[in-house]
Amino acid sequence: MKFPIDIIWIGEDKKIVDIKTNISPQTFPEIFTSRQPARYVLEVNSGWVDENKIEIEDKIWYNLGLW
């Protein structure tokens, strides 16, 4: 990756199970994993988690926009 990111892990029930913030490109080739079982992962720009007050146990709502 070429810029820092936040990683959000999401469980089967669409609740956030783990978060790692401000992961820099210099961490390569380190591997990041959730401390809890997760079904999905969402990578966003670094700082997004704090700016949006995202916390573990928050529920994710999304629309895949399938036609």
PDB file of N, CA and C in Angstrom:
ATOM      1  N   MET A   1       0.839  -1.178   0.000  1.00  0.00           N
ATOM      2  CA  MET A   1       0.000   0.000   0.000  1.00  0.00           C
ATOM      3  C   MET A   1       0.881   1.236   0.000  1.00  0.00           C
ATOM      4  N   LYS A   2       0.331   2.324  -0.447  1.00  0.00           N
ATOM      5  CA  LYS A   2       1.135   3.537  -0.603  1.00  0.00           C
ATOM      6  C   LYS A   2       0.743   4.647   0.361  1.00  0.00           C
ATOM      7  N   PHE A   3      -0.221   4.382   1.238  1.00  0.00           N
ATOM      8  CA  PHE A   3      -0.660   5.389   2.211  1.00  0.00           C
ATOM      9  C   PHE A   3      -1.177   4.664   3.454  1.00  0.00           C
ATOM     10  N   PRO A   4      -1.209   5.337   4.607  1.00  0.00           N
ATOM     11  CA  PRO A   4      -1.660   4.679   5.837  1.00  0.00           C
ATOM     12  C   PRO A   4      -3.164   4.385   5.798  1.00  0.00           C
ATOM     13  N   ILE A   5      -3.545   3.297   6.484  1.00  0.00           N
ATOM     14  CA  ILE A   5      -4.946   2.888   6.517  1.00  0.00           C
ATOM     15  C   ILE A   5      -5.378   2.502   7.929  1.00  0.00           C
ATOM     16  N   ASP A   6      -6.690   2.441   8.115  1.00  0.00           N
ATOM     17  CA  ASP A   6      -7.310   1.814   9.278  1.00  0.00           C
ATOM     18  C   ASP A   6      -7.944   0.525   8.779  1.00  0.00           C
ATOM     19  N   ILE A   7      -7.926  -0.514   9.598  1.00  0.00           N
ATOM     20  CA  ILE A   7      -8.564  -1.779   9.234  1.00  0.00           C
ATOM     21  C   ILE A   7      -9.669  -2.071  10.242  1.00  0.00           C
ATOM     22  N   ILE A   8     -10.842  -2.436   9.705  1.00  0.00           N
ATOM     23  CA  ILE A   8     -12.004  -2.762  10.524  1.00  0.00           C
ATOM     24  C   ILE A   8     -12.403  -4.203  10.201  1.00  0.00           C
ATOM     25  N   TRP A   9     -12.428  -5.072  11.215  1.00  0.00           N
ATOM     26  CA  TRP A   9     -12.864  -6.454  11.017  1.00  0.00           C
ATOM     27  C   TRP A   9     -14.309  -6.562  11.474  1.00  0.00           C
ATOM     28  N   ILE A  10     -15.113  -7.268  10.692  1.00  0.00           N
ATOM     29  CA  ILE A  10     -16.555  -7.352  10.920  1.00  0.00           C
ATOM     30  C   ILE A  10     -16.962  -8.819  11.022  1.00  0.00           C
ATOM     31  N   GLY A  11     -17.759  -9.128  12.038  1.00  0.00           N
ATOM     32  CA  GLY A  11     -18.221 -10.492  12.252  1.00  0.00           C
ATOM     33  C   GLY A  11     -19.403 -10.859  11.369  1.00  0.00           C
ATOM     34  N   GLU A  12     -19.787 -12.117  11.452  1.00  0.00           N
ATOM     35  CA  GLU A  12     -20.914 -12.643  10.683  1.00  0.00           C
ATOM     36  C   GLU A  12     -22.189 -11.842  10.937  1.00  0.00           C
ATOM     37  N   ASP A  13     -22.345 -11.353  12.166  1.00  0.00           N
ATOM     38  CA  ASP A  13     -23.548 -10.596  12.541  1.00  0.00           C
ATOM     39  C   ASP A  13     -23.459  -9.120  12.172  1.00  0.00           C
ATOM     40  N   LYS A  14     -22.433  -8.747  11.409  1.00  0.00           N
ATOM     41  CA  LYS A  14     -22.179  -7.381  10.931  1.00  0.00           C
ATOM     42  C   LYS A  14     -21.794  -6.406  12.041  1.00  0.00           C
ATOM     43  N   LYS A  15     -21.334  -6.932  13.168  1.00  0.00           N
ATOM     44  CA  LYS A  15     -20.801  -6.085  14.233  1.00  0.00           C
ATOM     45  C   LYS A  15     -19.283  -6.051  14.117  1.00  0.00           C
ATOM     46  N   ILE A  16     -18.704  -4.906  14.449  1.00  0.00           N
ATOM     47  CA  ILE A  16     -17.253  -4.750  14.415  1.00  0.00           C
ATOM     48  C   ILE A  16     -16.649  -5.565  15.549  1.00  0.00           C
ATOM     49  N   VAL A  17     -15.692  -6.432  15.199  1.00  0.00           N
ATOM     50  CA  VAL A  17     -15.061  -7.291  16.202  1.00  0.00           C
ATOM     51  C   VAL A  17     -13.639  -6.861  16.542  1.00  0.00           C
ATOM     52  N   ASP A  18     -13.013  -6.053  15.680  1.00  0.00           N
ATOM     53  CA  ASP A  18     -11.658  -5.574  15.963  1.00  0.00           C
ATOM     54  C   ASP A  18     -11.347  -4.396  15.052  1.00  0.00           C
ATOM     55  N   ILE A  19     -10.422  -3.561  15.495  1.00  0.00           N
ATOM     56  CA  ILE A  19     -10.002  -2.376  14.739  1.00  0.00           C
ATOM     57  C   ILE A  19      -8.509  -2.190  14.930  1.00  0.00           C
ATOM     58  N   LYS A  20      -7.819  -1.826  13.871  1.00  0.00           N
ATOM     59  CA  LYS A  20      -6.403  -1.434  13.947  1.00  0.00           C
ATOM     60  C   LYS A  20      -6.283  -0.139  13.163  1.00  0.00           C
ATOM     61  N   THR A  21      -5.759   0.895  13.782  1.00  0.00           N
ATOM     62  CA  THR A  21      -5.697   2.206  13.132  1.00  0.00           C
ATOM     63  C   THR A  21      -4.270   2.619  12.787  1.00  0.00           C
ATOM     64  N   ASN A  22      -4.199   3.508  11.811  1.00  0.00           N
ATOM     65  CA  ASN A  22      -2.950   4.152  11.410  1.00  0.00           C
ATOM     66  C   ASN A  22      -1.847   3.157  11.063  1.00  0.00           C
ATOM     67  N   ILE A  23      -2.165   2.222  10.187  1.00  0.00           N
ATOM     68  CA  ILE A  23      -1.173   1.260   9.717  1.00  0.00           C
ATOM     69  C   ILE A  23      -0.421   1.903   8.551  1.00  0.00           C
ATOM     70  N   SER A  24       0.866   2.067   8.711  1.00  0.00           N
ATOM     71  CA  SER A  24       1.655   2.768   7.701  1.00  0.00           C
ATOM     72  C   SER A  24       2.245   1.804   6.673  1.00  0.00           C
ATOM     73  N   PRO A  25       2.580   2.316   5.504  1.00  0.00           N
ATOM     74  CA  PRO A  25       3.198   1.472   4.474  1.00  0.00           C
ATOM     75  C   PRO A  25       4.511   0.840   4.943  1.00  0.00           C
ATOM     76  N   GLN A  26       5.176   1.459   5.908  1.00  0.00           N
ATOM     77  CA  GLN A  26       6.450   0.940   6.390  1.00  0.00           C
ATOM     78  C   GLN A  26       6.296  -0.364   7.167  1.00  0.00           C
ATOM     79  N   THR A  27       5.068  -0.766   7.492  1.00  0.00           N
ATOM     80  CA  THR A  27       4.854  -2.015   8.221  1.00  0.00           C
ATOM     81  C   THR A  27       4.998  -3.238   7.320  1.00  0.00           C
ATOM     82  N   PHE A  28       5.003  -3.040   6.001  1.00  0.00           N
ATOM     83  CA  PHE A  28       5.144  -4.161   5.068  1.00  0.00           C
ATOM     84  C   PHE A  28       6.432  -4.912   5.374  1.00  0.00           C
ATOM     85  N   PRO A  29       6.426  -6.222   5.439  1.00  0.00           N
ATOM     86  CA  PRO A  29       5.395  -7.200   5.086  1.00  0.00           C
ATOM     87  C   PRO A  29       4.620  -7.752   6.285  1.00  0.00           C
ATOM     88  N   GLU A  30       4.502  -6.977   7.363  1.00  0.00           N
ATOM     89  CA  GLU A  30       3.759  -7.448   8.532  1.00  0.00           C
ATOM     90  C   GLU A  30       2.325  -7.823   8.148  1.00  0.00           C
ATOM     91  N   ILE A  31       1.785  -8.843   8.793  1.00  0.00           N
ATOM     92  CA  ILE A  31       0.420  -9.302   8.535  1.00  0.00           C
ATOM     93  C   ILE A  31      -0.443  -8.920   9.729  1.00  0.00           C
ATOM     94  N   PHE A  32      -1.595  -8.339   9.462  1.00  0.00           N
ATOM     95  CA  PHE A  32      -2.513  -7.925  10.514  1.00  0.00           C
ATOM     96  C   PHE A  32      -3.731  -8.835  10.507  1.00  0.00           C
ATOM     97  N   THR A  33      -4.107  -9.329  11.691  1.00  0.00           N
ATOM     98  CA  THR A  33      -5.271 -10.202  11.817  1.00  0.00           C
ATOM     99  C   THR A  33      -6.136  -9.736  12.982  1.00  0.00           C
ATOM    100  N   SER A  34      -7.386 -10.130  12.946  1.00  0.00           N
ATOM    101  CA  SER A  34      -8.330  -9.803  13.999  1.00  0.00           C
ATOM    102  C   SER A  34      -8.072 -10.668  15.222  1.00  0.00           C
ATOM    103  N   ARG A  35      -8.306 -10.081  16.391  1.00  0.00           N
ATOM    104  CA  ARG A  35      -8.188 -10.851  17.632  1.00  0.00           C
ATOM    105  C   ARG A  35      -9.427 -11.706  17.882  1.00  0.00           C
ATOM    106  N   GLN A  36     -10.498 -11.440  17.136  1.00  0.00           N
ATOM    107  CA  GLN A  36     -11.744 -12.185  17.231  1.00  0.00           C
ATOM    108  C   GLN A  36     -12.086 -12.740  15.846  1.00  0.00           C
ATOM    109  N   PRO A  37     -12.865 -13.817  15.771  1.00  0.00           N
ATOM    110  CA  PRO A  37     -13.268 -14.329  14.459  1.00  0.00           C
ATOM    111  C   PRO A  37     -14.001 -13.252  13.653  1.00  0.00           C
ATOM    112  N   ALA A  38     -13.657 -13.136  12.380  1.00  0.00           N
ATOM    113  CA  ALA A  38     -14.258 -12.120  11.515  1.00  0.00           C
ATOM    114  C   ALA A  38     -14.640 -12.738  10.178  1.00  0.00           C
ATOM    115  N   ARG A  39     -15.683 -12.213   9.585  1.00  0.00           N
ATOM    116  CA  ARG A  39     -16.145 -12.665   8.269  1.00  0.00           C
ATOM    117  C   ARG A  39     -15.699 -11.702   7.174  1.00  0.00           C
ATOM    118  N   TYR A  40     -15.652 -10.406   7.502  1.00  0.00           N
ATOM    119  CA  TYR A  40     -15.334  -9.374   6.525  1.00  0.00           C
ATOM    120  C   TYR A  40     -14.230  -8.466   7.070  1.00  0.00           C
ATOM    121  N   VAL A  41     -13.585  -7.774   6.163  1.00  0.00           N
ATOM    122  CA  VAL A  41     -12.613  -6.753   6.560  1.00  0.00           C
ATOM    123  C   VAL A  41     -12.829  -5.526   5.679  1.00  0.00           C
ATOM    124  N   LEU A  42     -12.730  -4.362   6.301  1.00  0.00           N
ATOM    125  CA  LEU A  42     -12.903  -3.100   5.593  1.00  0.00           C
ATOM    126  C   LEU A  42     -11.657  -2.257   5.825  1.00  0.00           C
ATOM    127  N   GLU A  43     -11.026  -1.814   4.754  1.00  0.00           N
ATOM    128  CA  GLU A  43      -9.853  -0.951   4.847  1.00  0.00           C
ATOM    129  C   GLU A  43     -10.259   0.446   4.410  1.00  0.00           C
ATOM    130  N   VAL A  44      -9.956   1.426   5.250  1.00  0.00           N
ATOM    131  CA  VAL A  44     -10.320   2.819   4.974  1.00  0.00           C
ATOM    132  C   VAL A  44      -9.090   3.702   5.191  1.00  0.00           C
ATOM    133  N   ASN A  45      -9.169   4.930   4.724  1.00  0.00           N
ATOM    134  CA  ASN A  45      -8.067   5.874   4.918  1.00  0.00           C
ATOM    135  C   ASN A  45      -7.774   6.043   6.402  1.00  0.00           C
ATOM    136  N   SER A  46      -6.506   6.168   6.741  1.00  0.00           N
ATOM    137  CA  SER A  46      -6.093   6.366   8.123  1.00  0.00           C
ATOM    138  C   SER A  46      -6.790   7.598   8.700  1.00  0.00           C
ATOM    139  N   GLY A  47      -7.290   7.461   9.910  1.00  0.00           N
ATOM    140  CA  GLY A  47      -7.988   8.558  10.572  1.00  0.00           C
ATOM    141  C   GLY A  47      -9.496   8.467  10.455  1.00  0.00           C
ATOM    142  N   TRP A  48      -9.986   7.679   9.497  1.00  0.00           N
ATOM    143  CA  TRP A  48     -11.431   7.582   9.266  1.00  0.00           C
ATOM    144  C   TRP A  48     -12.141   7.004  10.483  1.00  0.00           C
ATOM    145  N   VAL A  49     -11.556   5.997  11.120  1.00  0.00           N
ATOM    146  CA  VAL A  49     -12.179   5.370  12.292  1.00  0.00           C
ATOM    147  C   VAL A  49     -12.367   6.400  13.399  1.00  0.00           C
ATOM    148  N   ASP A  50     -11.335   7.176  13.707  1.00  0.00           N
ATOM    149  CA  ASP A  50     -11.443   8.193  14.760  1.00  0.00           C
ATOM    150  C   ASP A  50     -12.400   9.310  14.362  1.00  0.00           C
ATOM    151  N   GLU A  51     -12.311   9.772  13.126  1.00  0.00           N
ATOM    152  CA  GLU A  51     -13.177  10.866  12.659  1.00  0.00           C
ATOM    153  C   GLU A  51     -14.653  10.502  12.748  1.00  0.00           C
ATOM    154  N   ASN A  52     -14.968   9.241  12.546  1.00  0.00           N
ATOM    155  CA  ASN A  52     -16.356   8.786  12.542  1.00  0.00           C
ATOM    156  C   ASN A  52     -16.763   8.082  13.832  1.00  0.00           C
ATOM    157  N   LYS A  53     -15.869   8.123  14.835  1.00  0.00           N
ATOM    158  CA  LYS A  53     -16.143   7.552  16.155  1.00  0.00           C
ATOM    159  C   LYS A  53     -16.594   6.092  16.078  1.00  0.00           C
ATOM    160  N   ILE A  54     -15.900   5.315  15.244  1.00  0.00           N
ATOM    161  CA  ILE A  54     -16.196   3.901  15.069  1.00  0.00           C
ATOM    162  C   ILE A  54     -15.595   3.130  16.239  1.00  0.00           C
ATOM    163  N   GLU A  55     -16.372   2.190  16.792  1.00  0.00           N
ATOM    164  CA  GLU A  55     -15.911   1.407  17.937  1.00  0.00           C
ATOM    165  C   GLU A  55     -16.261  -0.062  17.752  1.00  0.00           C
ATOM    166  N   ILE A  56     -15.528  -0.913  18.465  1.00  0.00           N
ATOM    167  CA  ILE A  56     -15.850  -2.339  18.498  1.00  0.00           C
ATOM    168  C   ILE A  56     -17.268  -2.488  19.047  1.00  0.00           C
ATOM    169  N   GLU A  57     -18.031  -3.411  18.470  1.00  0.00           N
ATOM    170  CA  GLU A  57     -19.433  -3.694  18.765  1.00  0.00           C
ATOM    171  C   GLU A  57     -20.400  -2.818  17.972  1.00  0.00           C
ATOM    172  N   ASP A  58     -19.907  -1.756  17.291  1.00  0.00           N
ATOM    173  CA  ASP A  58     -20.795  -1.006  16.401  1.00  0.00           C
ATOM    174  C   ASP A  58     -21.279  -1.947  15.307  1.00  0.00           C
ATOM    175  N   LYS A  59     -22.489  -1.715  14.828  1.00  0.00           N
ATOM    176  CA  LYS A  59     -23.047  -2.542  13.757  1.00  0.00           C
ATOM    177  C   LYS A  59     -22.837  -1.826  12.425  1.00  0.00           C
ATOM    178  N   ILE A  60     -22.431  -2.589  11.422  1.00  0.00           N
ATOM    179  CA  ILE A  60     -22.195  -2.067  10.082  1.00  0.00           C
ATOM    180  C   ILE A  60     -23.452  -2.266   9.240  1.00  0.00           C
ATOM    181  N   TRP A  61     -23.879  -1.235   8.558  1.00  0.00           N
ATOM    182  CA  TRP A  61     -24.996  -1.324   7.611  1.00  0.00           C
ATOM    183  C   TRP A  61     -24.441  -1.015   6.236  1.00  0.00           C
ATOM    184  N   TYR A  62     -24.741  -1.852   5.279  1.00  0.00           N
ATOM    185  CA  TYR A  62     -24.245  -1.614   3.929  1.00  0.00           C
ATOM    186  C   TYR A  62     -25.216  -2.141   2.899  1.00  0.00           C
ATOM    187  N   ASN A  63     -25.103  -1.591   1.702  1.00  0.00           N
ATOM    188  CA  ASN A  63     -25.900  -2.007   0.552  1.00  0.00           C
ATOM    189  C   ASN A  63     -24.918  -2.318  -0.554  1.00  0.00           C
ATOM    190  N   LEU A  64     -24.916  -3.546  -1.018  1.00  0.00           N
ATOM    191  CA  LEU A  64     -23.968  -3.938  -2.063  1.00  0.00           C
ATOM    192  C   LEU A  64     -24.366  -3.405  -3.442  1.00  0.00           C
ATOM    193  N   GLY A  65     -25.546  -2.861  -3.555  1.00  0.00           N
ATOM    194  CA  GLY A  65     -25.974  -2.271  -4.818  1.00  0.00           C
ATOM    195  C   GLY A  65     -26.101  -3.267  -5.941  1.00  0.00           C
ATOM    196  N   LEU A  66     -26.498  -4.483  -5.638  1.00  0.00           N
ATOM    197  CA  LEU A  66     -26.641  -5.498  -6.673  1.00  0.00           C
ATOM    198  C   LEU A  66     -27.913  -5.223  -7.474  1.00  0.00           C
ATOM    199  N   TRP A  67     -27.809  -5.405  -8.761  1.00  0.00           N
ATOM    200  CA  TRP A  67     -28.966  -5.163  -9.621  1.00  0.00           C
ATOM    201  C   TRP A  67     -29.755  -6.402  -9.794  1.00  0.00           C
TER     202      TRP A  67
END
